[in-house]
Amino acid sequence: MSNHPNLRGKVCLVAGATRGAGRGIAVELGAAGATVYVTGRTTRRSRSEYDRPETIEETAELVNAAGGHGIAVPADHLDRDQVRSLAERIGRDHGRLDVLVNDIWGGEHLAQWDTPLWEHDLDAGLRLLRLAVDTHVITSRFMLPLLIKRPGGLVVEMTDGTKEYNDRNYRVSFFYDQAKSAVIRLGYAQAHELRPYGCAAVSLTPGWLRSEMMLDHYGVKEENWRDATAREPHFAISESPRYVGRAVAALAADPDVMRWTGRSLSSGQLAQEYGFTDVDGSQPDCWRYLVEVQDPGRPADVTGYR
């Protein structure tokens, strides 16, 4: 298919689009011409507990600048009334929803790395699960009636790690591990229920994401991100949020998207399939790199992996 998907006339919701992968996805859906509702808890008037400067209004403006129509809607996706209200608004304005991206997360400050369950802060862990799983369930509950209005709809459950990788590897902490694997299963279960309506659901993971928070962690900007490899050589495999955004746009524009339904996918895998690249023209394949280079403790070398 073309490297330039055409989503004009499509109505999309990126739930959790304030920053990171959600913002990258929203922008790329906009670049393909879609109308994109973007939600989050941080606006120009108030911030979530992240206390970060990125806002959903900025994301909507980036969607517009890319060529789409961005609509910012403040929403806490644990609040079912807010999600129901958003679904009613989309229904009134468009009568349907073509693409739902569940990218709500919010757990960076809650996961205690390599801390066993019996030592992990229980309230933090349970809050992480609510933010990572309940939000997705609530959002799908109210949005799927709009999605099944016509065949060809797509649900993308955003996670960290492919099913194959997560099945074989402990991920960060008990709660993080549960959350990221549960979301993969959400995609599988929704695929089963959506199949009779001709709609697809997948789970999708980026690789090592150069989110705003990750760039800040390494003290770099997107323009000079390679400077961070002096501190962490394996960061050379990292990818911009636009890369996984292009993966979502390619899926959304694929008339044969049902071939993917129920599957666990990665940005690098789909780049090989659809031919899109990251913003620098490369095609990083992070999960293959992790298995073959980083996890075995080999020296950083992205030759053949991007």
C-alpha atoms as a PDB file:
ATOM      1  CA  MET A   1       0.000   0.000   0.000  1.00  0.00           C
ATOM      2  CA  SER A   2       1.017   3.641  -0.235  1.00  0.00           C
ATOM      3  CA  ASN A   3       3.337   5.114   2.363  1.00  0.00           C
ATOM      4  CA  HIS A   4       0.841   7.967   2.605  1.00  0.00           C
ATOM      5  CA  PRO A   5      -2.415   6.623   4.028  1.00  0.00           C
ATOM      6  CA  ASN A   6      -5.610   8.470   3.186  1.00  0.00           C
ATOM      7  CA  LEU A   7      -7.977   8.749   6.140  1.00  0.00           C
ATOM      8  CA  ARG A   8      -9.992  11.734   4.979  1.00  0.00           C
ATOM      9  CA  GLY A   9     -13.523  11.482   6.288  1.00  0.00           C
ATOM     10  CA  LYS A  10     -12.486   9.061   9.056  1.00  0.00           C
ATOM     11  CA  VAL A  11     -13.368   9.815  12.672  1.00  0.00           C
ATOM     12  CA  CYS A  12     -10.786   8.768  15.249  1.00  0.00           C
ATOM     13  CA  LEU A  13     -10.410   8.920  19.019  1.00  0.00           C
ATOM     14  CA  VAL A  14      -6.983   8.758  20.596  1.00  0.00           C
ATOM     15  CA  ALA A  15      -7.684   8.302  24.286  1.00  0.00           C
ATOM     16  CA  GLY A  16      -4.609   9.422  26.164  1.00  0.00           C
ATOM     17  CA  ALA A  17      -3.079  11.762  23.597  1.00  0.00           C
ATOM     18  CA  THR A  18      -1.432  14.372  25.786  1.00  0.00           C
ATOM     19  CA  ARG A  19       2.110  13.230  25.049  1.00  0.00           C
ATOM     20  CA  GLY A  20       4.233  10.270  24.022  1.00  0.00           C
ATOM     21  CA  ALA A  21       2.811   7.609  21.735  1.00  0.00           C
ATOM     22  CA  GLY A  22      -0.698   9.043  21.950  1.00  0.00           C
ATOM     23  CA  ARG A  23       0.431  12.380  20.611  1.00  0.00           C
ATOM     24  CA  GLY A  24       2.483  10.745  17.858  1.00  0.00           C
ATOM     25  CA  ILE A  25      -0.490   8.631  16.819  1.00  0.00           C
ATOM     26  CA  ALA A  26      -2.872  11.597  16.804  1.00  0.00           C
ATOM     27  CA  VAL A  27      -0.505  13.638  14.645  1.00  0.00           C
ATOM     28  CA  GLU A  28      -0.040  10.856  12.102  1.00  0.00           C
ATOM     29  CA  LEU A  29      -3.779  10.226  11.886  1.00  0.00           C
ATOM     30  CA  GLY A  30      -4.098  13.961  11.264  1.00  0.00           C
ATOM     31  CA  ALA A  31      -1.394  13.826   8.599  1.00  0.00           C
ATOM     32  CA  ALA A  32      -3.552  11.238   6.836  1.00  0.00           C
ATOM     33  CA  GLY A  33      -6.454  13.703   6.888  1.00  0.00           C
ATOM     34  CA  ALA A  34      -8.572  12.290   9.703  1.00  0.00           C
ATOM     35  CA  THR A  35     -10.739  14.040  12.264  1.00  0.00           C
ATOM     36  CA  VAL A  36      -9.064  13.180  15.564  1.00  0.00           C
ATOM     37  CA  TYR A  37     -10.539  13.578  19.022  1.00  0.00           C
ATOM     38  CA  VAL A  38      -7.715  13.742  21.550  1.00  0.00           C
ATOM     39  CA  THR A  39      -8.260  13.291  25.268  1.00  0.00           C
ATOM     40  CA  GLY A  40      -6.225  13.579  28.424  1.00  0.00           C
ATOM     41  CA  ARG A  41      -6.199  15.112  31.873  1.00  0.00           C
ATOM     42  CA  THR A  42      -3.666  17.892  31.289  1.00  0.00           C
ATOM     43  CA  THR A  43      -5.022  21.055  29.708  1.00  0.00           C
ATOM     44  CA  ARG A  44      -3.869  24.640  29.588  1.00  0.00           C
ATOM     45  CA  ARG A  45      -5.975  25.210  32.705  1.00  0.00           C
ATOM     46  CA  SER A  46      -5.015  22.225  34.827  1.00  0.00           C
ATOM     47  CA  ARG A  47      -2.445  19.441  35.061  1.00  0.00           C
ATOM     48  CA  SER A  48      -2.633  15.802  36.063  1.00  0.00           C
ATOM     49  CA  GLU A  49      -0.403  14.405  38.794  1.00  0.00           C
ATOM     50  CA  TYR A  50       2.334  14.059  36.154  1.00  0.00           C
ATOM     51  CA  ASP A  51       2.730  17.838  36.408  1.00  0.00           C
ATOM     52  CA  ARG A  52       4.060  17.927  32.846  1.00  0.00           C
ATOM     53  CA  PRO A  53       3.745  20.906  30.472  1.00  0.00           C
ATOM     54  CA  GLU A  54       2.266  19.036  27.473  1.00  0.00           C
ATOM     55  CA  THR A  55      -1.457  19.630  26.945  1.00  0.00           C
ATOM     56  CA  ILE A  56      -4.222  18.100  24.861  1.00  0.00           C
ATOM     57  CA  GLU A  57      -4.809  21.484  23.240  1.00  0.00           C
ATOM     58  CA  GLU A  58      -1.236  21.384  21.919  1.00  0.00           C
ATOM     59  CA  THR A  59      -1.845  17.916  20.563  1.00  0.00           C
ATOM     60  CA  ALA A  60      -4.987  19.085  18.736  1.00  0.00           C
ATOM     61  CA  GLU A  61      -3.019  21.991  17.253  1.00  0.00           C
ATOM     62  CA  LEU A  62      -0.344  19.573  16.030  1.00  0.00           C
ATOM     63  CA  VAL A  63      -3.067  17.451  14.412  1.00  0.00           C
ATOM     64  CA  ASN A  64      -4.362  20.547  12.628  1.00  0.00           C
ATOM     65  CA  ALA A  65      -0.873  21.552  11.510  1.00  0.00           C
ATOM     66  CA  ALA A  66      -0.353  18.066  10.080  1.00  0.00           C
ATOM     67  CA  GLY A  67      -3.438  18.414   7.903  1.00  0.00           C
ATOM     68  CA  GLY A  68      -6.199  16.874   9.995  1.00  0.00           C
ATOM     69  CA  HIS A  69      -8.902  18.201  12.275  1.00  0.00           C
ATOM     70  CA  GLY A  70      -7.935  17.980  15.937  1.00  0.00           C
ATOM     71  CA  ILE A  71     -10.533  18.237  18.695  1.00  0.00           C
ATOM     72  CA  ALA A  72      -9.278  18.399  22.281  1.00  0.00           C
ATOM     73  CA  VAL A  73     -11.624  17.044  24.960  1.00  0.00           C
ATOM     74  CA  PRO A  74     -10.514  16.955  28.613  1.00  0.00           C
ATOM     75  CA  ALA A  75     -11.351  13.545  30.033  1.00  0.00           C
ATOM     76  CA  ASP A  76     -10.458  11.293  32.930  1.00  0.00           C
ATOM     77  CA  HIS A  77     -11.070   7.831  31.486  1.00  0.00           C
ATOM     78  CA  LEU A  78     -11.721   6.366  34.927  1.00  0.00           C
ATOM     79  CA  ASP A  79     -14.811   8.585  35.084  1.00  0.00           C
ATOM     80  CA  ARG A  80     -17.484   6.705  33.173  1.00  0.00           C
ATOM     81  CA  ASP A  81     -19.753   9.753  32.996  1.00  0.00           C
ATOM     82  CA  GLN A  82     -17.051  11.748  31.228  1.00  0.00           C
ATOM     83  CA  VAL A  83     -16.416   8.905  28.784  1.00  0.00           C
ATOM     84  CA  ARG A  84     -20.131   8.405  28.176  1.00  0.00           C
ATOM     85  CA  SER A  85     -20.504  12.124  27.500  1.00  0.00           C
ATOM     86  CA  LEU A  86     -17.656  11.995  24.981  1.00  0.00           C
ATOM     87  CA  ALA A  87     -19.237   9.029  23.206  1.00  0.00           C
ATOM     88  CA  GLU A  88     -22.541  10.888  23.013  1.00  0.00           C
ATOM     89  CA  ARG A  89     -20.776  13.926  21.558  1.00  0.00           C
ATOM     90  CA  ILE A  90     -19.020  11.883  18.876  1.00  0.00           C
ATOM     91  CA  GLY A  91     -22.310  10.153  18.110  1.00  0.00           C
ATOM     92  CA  ARG A  92     -24.155  13.467  17.736  1.00  0.00           C
ATOM     93  CA  ASP A  93     -21.453  15.032  15.595  1.00  0.00           C
ATOM     94  CA  HIS A  94     -20.546  12.093  13.368  1.00  0.00           C
ATOM     95  CA  GLY A  95     -22.888   9.177  13.972  1.00  0.00           C
ATOM     96  CA  ARG A  96     -20.013   6.727  14.190  1.00  0.00           C
ATOM     97  CA  LEU A  97     -16.388   6.150  15.198  1.00  0.00           C
ATOM     98  CA  ASP A  98     -13.923   4.594  12.757  1.00  0.00           C
ATOM     99  CA  VAL A  99     -10.774   4.233  14.863  1.00  0.00           C
ATOM    100  CA  LEU A 100     -10.395   3.920  18.630  1.00  0.00           C
ATOM    101  CA  VAL A 101      -6.894   4.054  20.089  1.00  0.00           C
ATOM    102  CA  ASN A 102      -6.746   3.173  23.784  1.00  0.00           C
ATOM    103  CA  ASP A 103      -3.447   4.710  24.868  1.00  0.00           C
ATOM    104  CA  ILE A 104      -4.369   5.744  28.412  1.00  0.00           C
ATOM    105  CA  TRP A 105      -1.557   4.955  30.827  1.00  0.00           C
ATOM    106  CA  GLY A 106      -0.433   7.304  33.593  1.00  0.00           C
ATOM    107  CA  GLY A 107       1.607   4.807  35.583  1.00  0.00           C
ATOM    108  CA  GLU A 108       5.218   5.931  35.253  1.00  0.00           C
ATOM    109  CA  HIS A 109       5.359   7.251  38.809  1.00  0.00           C
ATOM    110  CA  LEU A 110       3.622   4.210  40.280  1.00  0.00           C
ATOM    111  CA  ALA A 111       5.707   1.238  39.161  1.00  0.00           C
ATOM    112  CA  GLN A 112       8.595   0.387  41.493  1.00  0.00           C
ATOM    113  CA  TRP A 113      11.209  -1.265  39.314  1.00  0.00           C
ATOM    114  CA  ASP A 114      12.394  -4.750  40.296  1.00  0.00           C
ATOM    115  CA  THR A 115      10.448  -4.600  43.546  1.00  0.00           C
ATOM    116  CA  PRO A 116       8.605  -7.827  44.438  1.00  0.00           C
ATOM    117  CA  LEU A 117       4.876  -7.782  45.017  1.00  0.00           C
ATOM    118  CA  TRP A 118       5.204  -8.142  48.784  1.00  0.00           C
ATOM    119  CA  GLU A 119       7.401  -5.044  48.972  1.00  0.00           C
ATOM    120  CA  HIS A 120       5.663  -2.915  46.337  1.00  0.00           C
ATOM    121  CA  ASP A 121       3.413  -0.105  47.530  1.00  0.00           C
ATOM    122  CA  LEU A 122      -0.013  -1.740  47.256  1.00  0.00           C
ATOM    123  CA  ASP A 123      -2.010   1.433  46.710  1.00  0.00           C
ATOM    124  CA  ALA A 124       0.380   2.527  43.969  1.00  0.00           C
ATOM    125  CA  GLY A 125       0.190  -0.865  42.291  1.00  0.00           C
ATOM    126  CA  LEU A 126      -3.586  -1.032  42.338  1.00  0.00           C
ATOM    127  CA  ARG A 127      -3.808   2.540  41.081  1.00  0.00           C
ATOM    128  CA  LEU A 128      -1.475   1.578  38.224  1.00  0.00           C
ATOM    129  CA  LEU A 129      -3.786  -1.279  37.248  1.00  0.00           C
ATOM    130  CA  ARG A 130      -6.808   0.999  37.309  1.00  0.00           C
ATOM    131  CA  LEU A 131      -5.085   3.588  35.121  1.00  0.00           C
ATOM    132  CA  ALA A 132      -3.707   1.014  32.686  1.00  0.00           C
ATOM    133  CA  VAL A 133      -6.582  -1.457  32.388  1.00  0.00           C
ATOM    134  CA  ASP A 134      -9.847  -0.064  33.773  1.00  0.00           C
ATOM    135  CA  THR A 135      -9.514   3.073  31.648  1.00  0.00           C
ATOM    136  CA  HIS A 136      -9.287   0.997  28.478  1.00  0.00           C
ATOM    137  CA  VAL A 137     -12.267  -1.150  29.457  1.00  0.00           C
ATOM    138  CA  ILE A 138     -14.432   1.870  30.308  1.00  0.00           C
ATOM    139  CA  THR A 139     -13.512   3.638  27.082  1.00  0.00           C
ATOM    140  CA  SER A 140     -14.231   0.634  24.880  1.00  0.00           C
ATOM    141  CA  ARG A 141     -17.498  -0.001  26.699  1.00  0.00           C
ATOM    142  CA  PHE A 142     -18.880   3.348  25.573  1.00  0.00           C
ATOM    143  CA  MET A 143     -17.109   3.695  22.204  1.00  0.00           C
ATOM    144  CA  LEU A 144     -17.667   0.275  20.645  1.00  0.00           C
ATOM    145  CA  PRO A 145     -21.382   0.875  19.952  1.00  0.00           C
ATOM    146  CA  LEU A 146     -20.223   3.714  17.684  1.00  0.00           C
ATOM    147  CA  LEU A 147     -17.473   1.617  16.115  1.00  0.00           C
ATOM    148  CA  ILE A 148     -19.753  -1.243  15.040  1.00  0.00           C
ATOM    149  CA  LYS A 149     -22.047   1.113  13.121  1.00  0.00           C
ATOM    150  CA  ARG A 150     -20.244   0.079   9.936  1.00  0.00           C
ATOM    151  CA  PRO A 151     -17.671  -2.565   8.935  1.00  0.00           C
ATOM    152  CA  GLY A 152     -14.012  -1.607   8.815  1.00  0.00           C
ATOM    153  CA  GLY A 153     -13.693  -0.127  12.297  1.00  0.00           C
ATOM    154  CA  LEU A 154     -10.431  -0.546  14.197  1.00  0.00           C
ATOM    155  CA  VAL A 155      -9.506  -0.698  17.880  1.00  0.00           C
ATOM    156  CA  VAL A 156      -5.840  -0.325  18.802  1.00  0.00           C
ATOM    157  CA  GLU A 157      -4.854  -1.280  22.338  1.00  0.00           C
ATOM    158  CA  MET A 158      -1.512   0.358  23.112  1.00  0.00           C
ATOM    159  CA  THR A 159       0.846  -1.541  25.383  1.00  0.00           C
ATOM    160  CA  ASP A 160       4.540  -2.163  26.073  1.00  0.00           C
ATOM    161  CA  GLY A 161       5.913  -5.357  24.593  1.00  0.00           C
ATOM    162  CA  THR A 162       4.644  -7.954  22.188  1.00  0.00           C
ATOM    163  CA  LYS A 163       2.811 -11.008  23.488  1.00  0.00           C
ATOM    164  CA  GLU A 164       5.768 -13.170  22.517  1.00  0.00           C
ATOM    165  CA  TYR A 165       8.221 -10.983  24.437  1.00  0.00           C
ATOM    166  CA  ASN A 166       6.045 -10.437  27.503  1.00  0.00           C
ATOM    167  CA  ASP A 167       5.207 -14.130  27.779  1.00  0.00           C
ATOM    168  CA  ARG A 168       8.910 -14.863  28.144  1.00  0.00           C
ATOM    169  CA  ASN A 169      10.110 -11.894  30.184  1.00  0.00           C
ATOM    170  CA  TYR A 170       9.307 -10.326  33.554  1.00  0.00           C
ATOM    171  CA  ARG A 171       8.426  -6.686  32.917  1.00  0.00           C
ATOM    172  CA  VAL A 172       9.665  -4.157  35.503  1.00  0.00           C
ATOM    173  CA  SER A 173       7.409  -5.100  38.423  1.00  0.00           C
ATOM    174  CA  PHE A 174       4.463  -7.369  39.227  1.00  0.00           C
ATOM    175  CA  PHE A 175       1.934  -4.604  38.589  1.00  0.00           C
ATOM    176  CA  TYR A 176       3.570  -3.310  35.409  1.00  0.00           C
ATOM    177  CA  ASP A 177       3.875  -6.869  34.143  1.00  0.00           C
ATOM    178  CA  GLN A 178       0.183  -7.553  34.771  1.00  0.00           C
ATOM    179  CA  ALA A 179      -0.935  -4.276  33.213  1.00  0.00           C
ATOM    180  CA  LYS A 180       0.961  -4.583  29.958  1.00  0.00           C
ATOM    181  CA  SER A 181       0.018  -8.200  29.383  1.00  0.00           C
ATOM    182  CA  ALA A 182      -3.625  -7.559  30.298  1.00  0.00           C
ATOM    183  CA  VAL A 183      -3.896  -4.904  27.590  1.00  0.00           C
ATOM    184  CA  ILE A 184      -2.710  -7.400  24.983  1.00  0.00           C
ATOM    185  CA  ARG A 185      -5.522  -9.695  26.055  1.00  0.00           C
ATOM    186  CA  LEU A 186      -7.990  -6.790  25.825  1.00  0.00           C
ATOM    187  CA  GLY A 187      -7.148  -6.511  22.145  1.00  0.00           C
ATOM    188  CA  TYR A 188      -7.618 -10.243  21.647  1.00  0.00           C
ATOM    189  CA  ALA A 189     -10.979 -10.352  23.429  1.00  0.00           C
ATOM    190  CA  GLN A 190     -12.355  -7.337  21.598  1.00  0.00           C
ATOM    191  CA  ALA A 191     -11.272  -8.873  18.290  1.00  0.00           C
ATOM    192  CA  HIS A 192     -13.426 -11.897  19.067  1.00  0.00           C
ATOM    193  CA  GLU A 193     -16.462  -9.776  19.868  1.00  0.00           C
ATOM    194  CA  LEU A 194     -16.009  -7.366  16.943  1.00  0.00           C
ATOM    195  CA  ARG A 195     -15.413  -9.972  14.243  1.00  0.00           C
ATOM    196  CA  PRO A 196     -19.130 -10.491  13.420  1.00  0.00           C
ATOM    197  CA  TYR A 197     -19.354  -6.745  12.696  1.00  0.00           C
ATOM    198  CA  GLY A 198     -16.400  -6.699  10.318  1.00  0.00           C
ATOM    199  CA  CYS A 199     -14.314  -4.645  12.750  1.00  0.00           C
ATOM    200  CA  ALA A 200     -10.787  -5.379  13.944  1.00  0.00           C
ATOM    201  CA  ALA A 201      -8.928  -5.058  17.236  1.00  0.00           C
ATOM    202  CA  VAL A 202      -5.195  -5.401  17.797  1.00  0.00           C
ATOM    203  CA  SER A 203      -2.649  -4.678  20.478  1.00  0.00           C
ATOM    204  CA  LEU A 204       0.321  -2.575  19.430  1.00  0.00           C
ATOM    205  CA  THR A 205       3.622  -1.711  21.045  1.00  0.00           C
ATOM    206  CA  PRO A 206       6.201   0.889  20.095  1.00  0.00           C
ATOM    207  CA  GLY A 207       9.835   0.134  20.709  1.00  0.00           C
ATOM    208  CA  TRP A 208      12.079   2.195  22.986  1.00  0.00           C
ATOM    209  CA  LEU A 209      10.068   5.372  22.688  1.00  0.00           C
ATOM    210  CA  ARG A 210      11.606   8.828  22.568  1.00  0.00           C
ATOM    211  CA  SER A 211       8.714  10.340  24.498  1.00  0.00           C
ATOM    212  CA  GLU A 212       9.000  13.771  26.042  1.00  0.00           C
ATOM    213  CA  MET A 213       9.614  12.142  29.417  1.00  0.00           C
ATOM    214  CA  MET A 214      12.326   9.853  28.081  1.00  0.00           C
ATOM    215  CA  LEU A 215      14.110  12.705  26.319  1.00  0.00           C
ATOM    216  CA  ASP A 216      13.998  14.704  29.540  1.00  0.00           C
ATOM    217  CA  HIS A 217      15.378  11.709  31.432  1.00  0.00           C
ATOM    218  CA  TYR A 218      18.449  11.714  29.199  1.00  0.00           C
ATOM    219  CA  GLY A 219      18.688  15.510  29.015  1.00  0.00           C
ATOM    220  CA  VAL A 220      18.299  15.665  25.237  1.00  0.00           C
ATOM    221  CA  LYS A 221      15.827  16.900  22.621  1.00  0.00           C
ATOM    222  CA  GLU A 222      14.488  15.049  19.614  1.00  0.00           C
ATOM    223  CA  GLU A 223      16.950  16.977  17.443  1.00  0.00           C
ATOM    224  CA  ASN A 224      20.014  15.694  19.322  1.00  0.00           C
ATOM    225  CA  TRP A 225      18.681  12.448  20.811  1.00  0.00           C
ATOM    226  CA  ARG A 226      21.736  10.511  19.657  1.00  0.00           C
ATOM    227  CA  ASP A 227      23.781  12.347  22.306  1.00  0.00           C
ATOM    228  CA  ALA A 228      22.025  10.115  24.864  1.00  0.00           C
ATOM    229  CA  THR A 229      23.800   7.057  23.463  1.00  0.00           C
ATOM    230  CA  ALA A 230      26.948   8.191  25.271  1.00  0.00           C
ATOM    231  CA  ARG A 231      25.100   7.414  28.499  1.00  0.00           C
ATOM    232  CA  GLU A 232      23.024   4.477  27.219  1.00  0.00           C
ATOM    233  CA  PRO A 233      24.429   2.966  24.009  1.00  0.00           C
ATOM    234  CA  HIS A 234      21.339   0.819  23.388  1.00  0.00           C
ATOM    235  CA  PHE A 235      19.267   3.991  23.081  1.00  0.00           C
ATOM    236  CA  ALA A 236      20.498   3.907  19.483  1.00  0.00           C
ATOM    237  CA  ILE A 237      17.537   1.613  18.701  1.00  0.00           C
ATOM    238  CA  SER A 238      14.993   4.141  19.987  1.00  0.00           C
ATOM    239  CA  GLU A 239      12.169   5.536  17.873  1.00  0.00           C
ATOM    240  CA  SER A 240      10.090   8.687  17.766  1.00  0.00           C
ATOM    241  CA  PRO A 241       6.391   8.647  18.720  1.00  0.00           C
ATOM    242  CA  ARG A 242       5.571   9.367  15.081  1.00  0.00           C
ATOM    243  CA  TYR A 243       6.819   5.897  14.112  1.00  0.00           C
ATOM    244  CA  VAL A 244       4.109   4.031  15.988  1.00  0.00           C
ATOM    245  CA  GLY A 245       1.723   6.755  14.803  1.00  0.00           C
ATOM    246  CA  ARG A 246       2.489   5.773  11.241  1.00  0.00           C
ATOM    247  CA  ALA A 247       1.840   2.157  12.178  1.00  0.00           C
ATOM    248  CA  VAL A 248      -1.659   3.062  13.387  1.00  0.00           C
ATOM    249  CA  ALA A 249      -2.369   5.173  10.294  1.00  0.00           C
ATOM    250  CA  ALA A 250      -1.267   2.316   8.037  1.00  0.00           C
ATOM    251  CA  LEU A 251      -3.536  -0.135   9.850  1.00  0.00           C
ATOM    252  CA  ALA A 252      -6.468   2.285   9.760  1.00  0.00           C
ATOM    253  CA  ALA A 253      -6.101   2.754   5.999  1.00  0.00           C
ATOM    254  CA  ASP A 254      -5.666  -0.936   5.180  1.00  0.00           C
ATOM    255  CA  PRO A 255      -8.818  -2.327   3.503  1.00  0.00           C
ATOM    256  CA  ASP A 256      -7.646  -5.786   4.583  1.00  0.00           C
ATOM    257  CA  VAL A 257      -7.053  -4.855   8.233  1.00  0.00           C
ATOM    258  CA  MET A 258      -9.050  -7.885   9.374  1.00  0.00           C
ATOM    259  CA  ARG A 259      -5.988 -10.047   8.614  1.00  0.00           C
ATOM    260  CA  TRP A 260      -4.402  -8.545  11.739  1.00  0.00           C
ATOM    261  CA  THR A 261      -7.352  -8.788  14.098  1.00  0.00           C
ATOM    262  CA  GLY A 262      -6.621 -10.311  17.487  1.00  0.00           C
ATOM    263  CA  ARG A 263      -2.875 -10.120  16.990  1.00  0.00           C
ATOM    264  CA  SER A 264      -0.099  -8.525  19.026  1.00  0.00           C
ATOM    265  CA  LEU A 265       1.887  -6.190  16.764  1.00  0.00           C
ATOM    266  CA  SER A 266       4.886  -3.855  16.949  1.00  0.00           C
ATOM    267  CA  SER A 267       5.811  -0.683  15.117  1.00  0.00           C
ATOM    268  CA  GLY A 268       8.948  -2.287  13.675  1.00  0.00           C
ATOM    269  CA  GLN A 269       7.004  -5.295  12.400  1.00  0.00           C
ATOM    270  CA  LEU A 270       4.400  -3.115  10.680  1.00  0.00           C
ATOM    271  CA  ALA A 271       7.065  -0.864   9.145  1.00  0.00           C
ATOM    272  CA  GLN A 272       8.385  -3.907   7.306  1.00  0.00           C
ATOM    273  CA  GLU A 273       4.876  -4.800   6.176  1.00  0.00           C
ATOM    274  CA  TYR A 274       3.682  -1.354   5.067  1.00  0.00           C
ATOM    275  CA  GLY A 275       6.964   0.326   4.135  1.00  0.00           C
ATOM    276  CA  PHE A 276       6.721   3.413   6.341  1.00  0.00           C
ATOM    277  CA  THR A 277       9.740   4.833   8.153  1.00  0.00           C
ATOM    278  CA  ASP A 278      10.468   6.834  11.254  1.00  0.00           C
ATOM    279  CA  VAL A 279      10.996  10.575  10.894  1.00  0.00           C
ATOM    280  CA  ASP A 280      14.708  10.033  10.168  1.00  0.00           C
ATOM    281  CA  GLY A 281      13.988   7.603   7.332  1.00  0.00           C
ATOM    282  CA  SER A 282      15.009   4.505   9.294  1.00  0.00           C
ATOM    283  CA  GLN A 283      12.957   1.444  10.297  1.00  0.00           C
ATOM    284  CA  PRO A 284      14.005   0.506  13.837  1.00  0.00           C
ATOM    285  CA  ASP A 285      13.036  -3.020  14.888  1.00  0.00           C
ATOM    286  CA  CYS A 286      13.386  -2.674  18.636  1.00  0.00           C
ATOM    287  CA  TRP A 287      11.894  -5.964  19.827  1.00  0.00           C
ATOM    288  CA  ARG A 288      14.105  -8.092  17.619  1.00  0.00           C
ATOM    289  CA  TYR A 289      17.070  -5.990  18.765  1.00  0.00           C
ATOM    290  CA  LEU A 290      16.185  -6.531  22.425  1.00  0.00           C
ATOM    291  CA  VAL A 291      16.056 -10.292  22.009  1.00  0.00           C
ATOM    292  CA  GLU A 292      19.140 -10.626  19.842  1.00  0.00           C
ATOM    293  CA  VAL A 293      21.442  -7.861  21.138  1.00  0.00           C
ATOM    294  CA  GLN A 294      20.457  -6.016  24.326  1.00  0.00           C
ATOM    295  CA  ASP A 295      19.029  -8.797  26.503  1.00  0.00           C
ATOM    296  CA  PRO A 296      21.941 -11.212  25.811  1.00  0.00           C
ATOM    297  CA  GLY A 297      24.337  -8.459  26.913  1.00  0.00           C
ATOM    298  CA  ARG A 298      25.971  -7.880  23.558  1.00  0.00           C
ATOM    299  CA  PRO A 299      27.557  -4.508  22.705  1.00  0.00           C
ATOM    300  CA  ALA A 300      25.197  -1.925  21.258  1.00  0.00           C
ATOM    301  CA  ASP A 301      25.113  -2.180  17.479  1.00  0.00           C
ATOM    302  CA  VAL A 302      21.979  -1.344  15.515  1.00  0.00           C
ATOM    303  CA  THR A 303      23.393  -2.516  12.189  1.00  0.00           C
ATOM    304  CA  GLY A 304      20.649  -4.488  10.525  1.00  0.00           C
ATOM    305  CA  TYR A 305      18.067  -3.372  13.097  1.00  0.00           C
ATOM    306  CA  ARG A 306      17.189   0.094  11.775  1.00  0.00           C
END
